[in-house]
Protein backbone atom coordinates (compact mmCIF):
# COMPACT_ATOMS: atom_id res chain seq x y z
CA MET A 1 1.55 -25.22 2.71
CA LYS A 2 0.60 -26.23 6.70
CA LYS A 3 4.28 -27.59 6.75
CA SER A 4 6.24 -25.36 4.94
CA VAL A 5 3.98 -22.37 7.12
CA GLU A 6 5.11 -25.11 10.43
CA GLU A 7 8.45 -25.90 10.02
CA ASP A 8 9.91 -24.03 7.43
CA VAL A 9 9.31 -20.23 8.89
CA PHE A 10 12.16 -18.82 11.45
CA ILE A 11 12.34 -15.13 12.21
CA PRO A 12 14.75 -14.34 15.46
CA LEU A 13 14.37 -12.15 18.05
CA TYR A 14 17.21 -10.24 19.03
CA PRO A 15 18.15 -7.51 21.52
CA LYS A 16 16.66 -3.87 20.33
CA SER A 17 20.04 -3.20 21.02
CA THR A 18 21.22 -5.71 17.87
CA VAL A 19 19.14 -5.37 15.08
CA GLU A 20 18.91 -0.56 15.63
CA ASP A 21 21.90 -1.04 13.40
CA LYS A 22 20.96 -2.32 10.32
CA SER A 23 24.08 -3.47 8.56
CA SER A 24 24.29 -5.53 11.45
CA PRO A 25 24.21 -9.36 10.40
CA CYS A 26 21.37 -9.81 12.69
CA SER A 27 19.80 -7.63 11.52
CA LYS A 28 20.37 -8.28 8.32
CA PHE A 29 19.05 -11.81 8.69
CA GLN A 30 16.16 -10.51 10.51
CA GLU A 31 15.33 -8.69 7.69
CA ARG A 32 15.39 -11.13 4.77
CA ARG A 33 13.25 -13.83 6.88
CA PHE A 34 10.52 -11.54 7.50
CA TRP A 35 10.01 -11.20 3.66
CA SER A 36 10.58 -14.56 3.18
CA ALA A 37 7.69 -15.29 5.40
CA VAL A 38 6.09 -12.20 3.45
CA LYS A 39 5.89 -13.66 0.13
CA LEU A 40 5.26 -17.27 1.11
CA LEU A 41 1.92 -15.46 3.10
CA SER A 42 1.64 -13.92 -0.48
CA ASN A 43 1.71 -17.83 -1.77
CA VAL A 44 -1.01 -19.21 0.85
CA VAL A 45 -3.42 -16.48 0.19
CA LEU A 46 -3.33 -17.19 -4.12
CA TRP A 47 -5.01 -20.29 -3.23
CA ASP A 48 -8.05 -19.05 -1.19
CA GLY A 49 -10.78 -19.57 -3.85
CA ILE A 50 -9.13 -22.68 -4.31
CA VAL A 51 -8.78 -24.47 -0.89
CA GLU A 52 -10.93 -24.08 1.86
CA GLU A 53 -10.79 -19.90 2.71
CA ASP A 54 -10.81 -20.61 6.11
CA LYS A 55 -8.23 -23.46 6.02
CA VAL A 56 -5.86 -20.93 4.06
CA ARG A 57 -6.90 -17.88 6.56
CA ASP A 58 -5.92 -20.26 9.22
CA LEU A 59 -2.52 -20.59 7.69
CA GLY A 60 -2.24 -17.02 6.23
CA LEU A 61 -3.62 -14.74 9.14
CA SER A 62 -3.63 -17.40 12.23
CA LYS A 63 -0.25 -18.34 11.63
CA LEU A 64 1.74 -16.63 9.23
CA LEU A 65 0.34 -13.20 10.63
CA ASN A 66 -0.10 -13.09 13.75
CA ARG A 67 2.44 -15.54 14.80
CA TYR A 68 5.41 -14.55 13.27
CA LEU A 69 5.20 -11.63 11.07
CA LEU A 70 3.26 -9.59 13.45
CA LEU A 71 5.42 -9.76 16.25
CA ASN A 72 8.71 -8.64 14.12
CA ILE A 73 6.29 -5.75 12.88
CA LEU A 74 5.62 -4.59 16.67
CA ASN A 75 9.09 -4.62 17.21
CA THR A 76 9.83 -2.45 14.47
CA PRO A 77 10.22 1.36 14.94
CA LEU A 78 7.82 3.52 13.99
CA GLY A 79 8.62 5.05 11.11
CA PRO A 80 8.89 4.49 6.84
CA GLU A 81 10.08 0.98 7.40
CA ASN A 82 6.90 -0.35 9.48
CA ILE A 83 4.63 1.41 7.24
CA GLU A 84 6.31 -0.63 4.75
CA LYS A 85 6.19 -3.44 6.65
CA CYS A 86 2.73 -2.98 7.22
CA LYS A 87 1.49 -2.25 3.79
CA LYS A 88 2.83 -5.56 2.72
CA VAL A 89 0.65 -7.90 4.45
CA VAL A 90 -1.59 -5.16 3.56
CA ALA A 91 -1.04 -6.83 -0.24
CA CYS A 92 -1.64 -9.79 0.13
CA LEU A 93 -4.95 -10.19 1.95
CA PRO A 94 -7.63 -10.27 -0.49
CA GLU A 95 -10.14 -7.89 -0.78
CA ARG A 96 -13.47 -10.57 -0.64
CA TRP A 97 -12.39 -11.37 3.07
CA PHE A 98 -13.57 -7.98 3.87
CA GLN A 99 -16.96 -7.54 1.29
CA ASP A 100 -19.39 -8.91 4.01
CA LEU A 101 -17.85 -7.13 6.42
CA LYS A 102 -20.09 -4.23 8.43
CA SER A 103 -17.80 -0.63 8.54
CA GLY A 104 -15.47 -0.46 10.65
CA SER A 105 -15.03 -3.80 11.86
CA THR A 106 -13.00 -6.59 10.01
CA LEU A 107 -11.97 -10.24 10.98
CA PRO A 108 -11.28 -11.88 13.84
CA GLU A 109 -8.10 -12.71 13.67
CA LEU A 110 -6.67 -9.28 12.01
CA VAL A 111 -8.01 -7.14 15.27
CA ASN A 112 -3.84 -7.22 16.98
CA PHE A 113 -2.45 -6.12 13.09
CA CYS A 114 -5.48 -3.77 12.85
CA GLN A 115 -4.73 -2.29 16.86
CA HIS A 116 -1.20 -1.95 15.26
CA LEU A 117 -2.44 0.04 12.60
CA LEU A 118 -4.68 2.64 14.09
CA GLN A 119 -1.91 3.38 16.71
């Protein structure tokens, strides 16, 4: 899993003017890579309970979400597309990770993602 996250994930960043046209090859490629990384996130998280939780959280949240996915989400204009991306990421996260948290708090690895959601 670590090798896949470190070597197989690539989401290019293009200038805003290049990806605003959703039919452009750059925009389509960036979107395919984003959704591929979301699928990898969901697969990594499936190992929760089998592999140590801290390793799953490190790969899934620290490396995939914060290093790749969040950057793409932050560069997506606010609107339905951004909301859909956020919903898919949230759907990947195991509820068990949040059971012992106090109200109004989150996992340290999710602070930046939560700040984006609050916006």
